[in-house]
Protein backbone atom coordinates (compact mmCIF):
# COMPACT_ATOMS: atom_id res chain seq x y z
CA UNK A 1 11.09 -7.60 41.63
CA UNK A 2 11.15 -4.93 44.30
CA UNK A 3 8.92 -1.88 43.97
CA UNK A 4 12.02 0.35 44.06
CA UNK A 5 13.55 -1.51 41.08
CA UNK A 6 10.29 -1.39 39.18
CA UNK A 7 10.01 2.36 39.71
CA UNK A 8 13.63 2.93 38.64
CA UNK A 9 13.09 0.98 35.42
CA UNK A 10 9.82 2.77 34.69
CA UNK A 11 11.41 6.18 35.30
CA UNK A 12 14.30 5.33 33.01
CA UNK A 13 11.89 4.21 30.32
CA UNK A 14 12.78 2.87 26.92
CA UNK A 15 15.76 4.16 24.98
CA UNK A 16 15.16 7.35 23.02
CA UNK A 17 14.86 5.34 19.81
CA UNK A 18 11.58 4.50 18.14
CA UNK A 19 10.26 1.06 19.04
CA UNK A 20 10.86 -1.18 16.02
CA UNK A 21 8.01 -3.49 16.94
CA UNK A 22 5.54 -0.66 17.55
CA UNK A 23 6.41 1.18 14.34
CA UNK A 24 6.17 -1.96 12.22
CA UNK A 25 2.82 -2.84 13.79
CA UNK A 26 1.49 0.67 13.02
CA UNK A 27 2.73 0.34 9.45
CA UNK A 28 1.16 -3.12 9.14
CA UNK A 29 -2.20 -1.84 10.40
CA UNK A 30 -2.14 1.14 8.02
CA UNK A 31 -1.24 -0.94 4.96
CA UNK A 32 -3.73 -3.66 5.88
CA UNK A 33 -6.55 -1.10 6.03
CA UNK A 34 -5.46 0.33 2.65
CA UNK A 35 -5.44 -3.05 0.90
CA UNK A 36 -8.58 -4.32 2.68
CA UNK A 37 -10.50 -1.29 1.45
CA UNK A 38 -9.10 -1.68 -2.07
CA UNK A 39 -10.10 -5.35 -2.51
CA UNK A 40 -13.23 -5.53 -0.33
CA UNK A 41 -15.57 -5.93 -3.31
CA UNK A 42 -13.85 -9.26 -4.06
CA UNK A 43 -15.07 -10.66 -0.73
CA UNK A 44 -11.49 -11.14 0.50
CA UNK A 45 -9.37 -9.49 3.13
CA UNK A 46 -5.78 -8.60 2.33
CA UNK A 47 -4.63 -11.28 4.78
CA UNK A 48 -6.60 -13.88 2.82
CA UNK A 49 -5.54 -12.57 -0.58
CA UNK A 50 -1.87 -13.59 -0.34
CA UNK A 51 -2.64 -17.09 0.88
CA UNK A 52 -5.41 -17.72 -1.64
CA UNK A 53 -3.34 -16.30 -4.50
CA UNK A 54 -0.56 -18.83 -3.80
CA UNK A 55 -3.11 -21.65 -3.61
CA UNK A 56 -4.71 -20.58 -6.90
CA UNK A 57 -1.34 -20.57 -8.64
CA UNK A 58 -0.77 -24.23 -7.87
CA UNK A 59 -2.97 -27.20 -8.64
CA UNK A 60 -2.87 -28.09 -4.96
CA UNK A 61 -0.41 -27.55 -2.17
CA UNK A 62 0.44 -29.09 1.17
CA UNK A 63 -0.26 -26.95 4.23
CA UNK A 64 3.38 -27.24 5.35
CA UNK A 65 4.62 -25.94 1.96
CA UNK A 66 2.11 -23.11 2.05
CA UNK A 67 3.15 -22.15 5.59
CA UNK A 68 6.78 -21.99 4.50
CA UNK A 69 5.97 -19.82 1.46
CA UNK A 70 3.90 -17.46 3.61
CA UNK A 71 6.43 -17.29 6.45
CA UNK A 72 3.77 -18.50 8.89
CA UNK A 73 3.62 -21.29 11.40
CA UNK A 74 1.29 -24.18 10.56
CA UNK A 75 -1.07 -23.46 13.46
CA UNK A 76 -1.75 -19.86 12.41
CA UNK A 77 -2.07 -20.83 8.78
CA UNK A 78 -4.47 -23.68 9.63
CA UNK A 79 -6.74 -21.22 11.49
CA UNK A 80 -6.67 -18.86 8.49
CA UNK A 81 -7.37 -21.71 6.08
CA UNK A 82 -10.37 -22.82 8.16
CA UNK A 83 -11.98 -19.41 7.51
CA UNK A 84 -11.29 -19.66 3.77
CA UNK A 85 -12.74 -23.17 3.76
CA UNK A 86 -15.90 -22.08 5.63
CA UNK A 87 -16.35 -19.29 3.09
CA UNK A 88 -16.06 -21.82 0.26
CA UNK A 89 -12.84 -20.40 -1.23
CA UNK A 90 -10.75 -23.55 -0.68
CA UNK A 91 -11.08 -27.27 -0.08
CA UNK A 92 -8.81 -29.11 2.37
CA UNK A 93 -8.39 -32.84 1.93
CA UNK A 94 -6.16 -35.60 3.25
CA UNK A 95 -3.01 -36.53 1.39
CA UNK A 96 -1.86 -40.05 0.62
CA UNK A 97 -0.58 -40.73 4.15
CA UNK A 98 -3.54 -39.03 5.96
CA UNK A 99 -1.14 -36.86 8.01
CA UNK A 100 -0.63 -34.59 5.02
CA UNK A 101 -3.31 -31.99 4.33
CA UNK A 102 -3.76 -30.77 0.75
CA UNK A 103 -5.28 -27.38 -0.06
CA UNK A 104 -7.03 -26.66 -3.34
CA UNK A 105 -8.81 -23.52 -4.52
CA UNK A 106 -12.49 -23.85 -5.39
CA UNK A 107 -14.11 -22.09 -8.33
CA UNK A 108 -15.43 -19.51 -5.86
CA UNK A 109 -11.88 -18.93 -4.59
CA UNK A 110 -10.46 -18.63 -8.09
CA UNK A 111 -13.21 -16.14 -9.01
CA UNK A 112 -12.53 -14.06 -5.88
CA UNK A 113 -8.81 -13.89 -6.69
CA UNK A 114 -9.56 -12.98 -10.31
CA UNK A 115 -11.72 -10.11 -9.05
CA UNK A 116 -9.17 -9.02 -6.41
CA UNK A 117 -6.03 -9.01 -8.58
CA UNK A 118 -6.88 -5.90 -10.66
CA UNK A 119 -7.94 -4.09 -7.46
CA UNK A 120 -4.72 -5.14 -5.74
CA UNK A 121 -2.68 -4.07 -8.79
CA UNK A 122 -4.28 -0.62 -8.71
CA UNK A 123 -3.61 0.05 -5.03
CA UNK A 124 -0.08 -1.32 -5.46
CA UNK A 125 0.48 1.05 -8.40
CA UNK A 126 -0.86 4.03 -6.43
CA UNK A 127 1.28 3.21 -3.42
CA UNK A 128 4.44 2.89 -5.50
CA UNK A 129 3.62 6.14 -7.30
CA UNK A 130 3.07 8.04 -4.03
CA UNK A 131 6.22 6.65 -2.44
CA UNK A 132 8.35 6.89 -5.54
CA UNK A 133 9.73 3.82 -7.29
CA UNK A 134 13.17 4.06 -5.66
CA UNK A 135 11.78 4.48 -2.12
CA UNK A 136 9.40 1.58 -2.64
CA UNK A 137 12.17 -0.70 -3.95
CA UNK A 138 14.41 0.29 -1.06
CA UNK A 139 11.61 -0.43 1.42
CA UNK A 140 11.02 -3.89 -0.08
CA UNK A 141 14.73 -4.66 0.08
CA UNK A 142 15.00 -3.41 3.67
CA UNK A 143 11.95 -5.39 4.77
CA UNK A 144 13.39 -8.56 3.25
CA UNK A 145 16.64 -7.95 5.10
CA UNK A 146 14.73 -7.16 8.28
CA UNK A 147 12.85 -10.47 8.11
CA UNK A 148 16.12 -12.33 7.60
CA UNK A 149 17.72 -10.65 10.64
CA UNK A 150 14.64 -11.25 12.80
CA UNK A 151 14.55 -14.92 11.73
CA UNK A 152 18.24 -15.28 12.65
CA UNK A 153 17.64 -13.72 16.07
CA UNK A 154 14.62 -15.99 16.59
CA UNK A 155 16.73 -19.03 15.72
CA UNK A 156 19.26 -18.05 18.38
CA UNK A 157 16.57 -18.14 21.08
């Protein structure tokens, strides 16, 4: 691209609207810090909490099923699971056909979730109270819709 074109684009800048990606990333960082601080005494991070909670609520689960429930790709989930396994929160074993990987919570993982749940419930309650029940419900609904739209746009590409 010519220098002149680059300069023209840079001068024009982005549209006057807020950047959806940037604002959602700021929100994600802020909420992650809030929940991490709330549950830190459990030994878990908020990013680990959701995954481990799903694992604990099933006897065992396949990585592909877990990835689908979490809205994550298998590669990212596998990296996250490796950390949980190293920390002793889960056990990963081969399925019947050896291509399938089965994830099971250990007693240490179940104990960590049992400790984190009341802490998570408290920060969740405080957040909903500060936002107001209606605003919180609207946000959850809008985020669900947003994910659906983003998934549809991703599928088009």
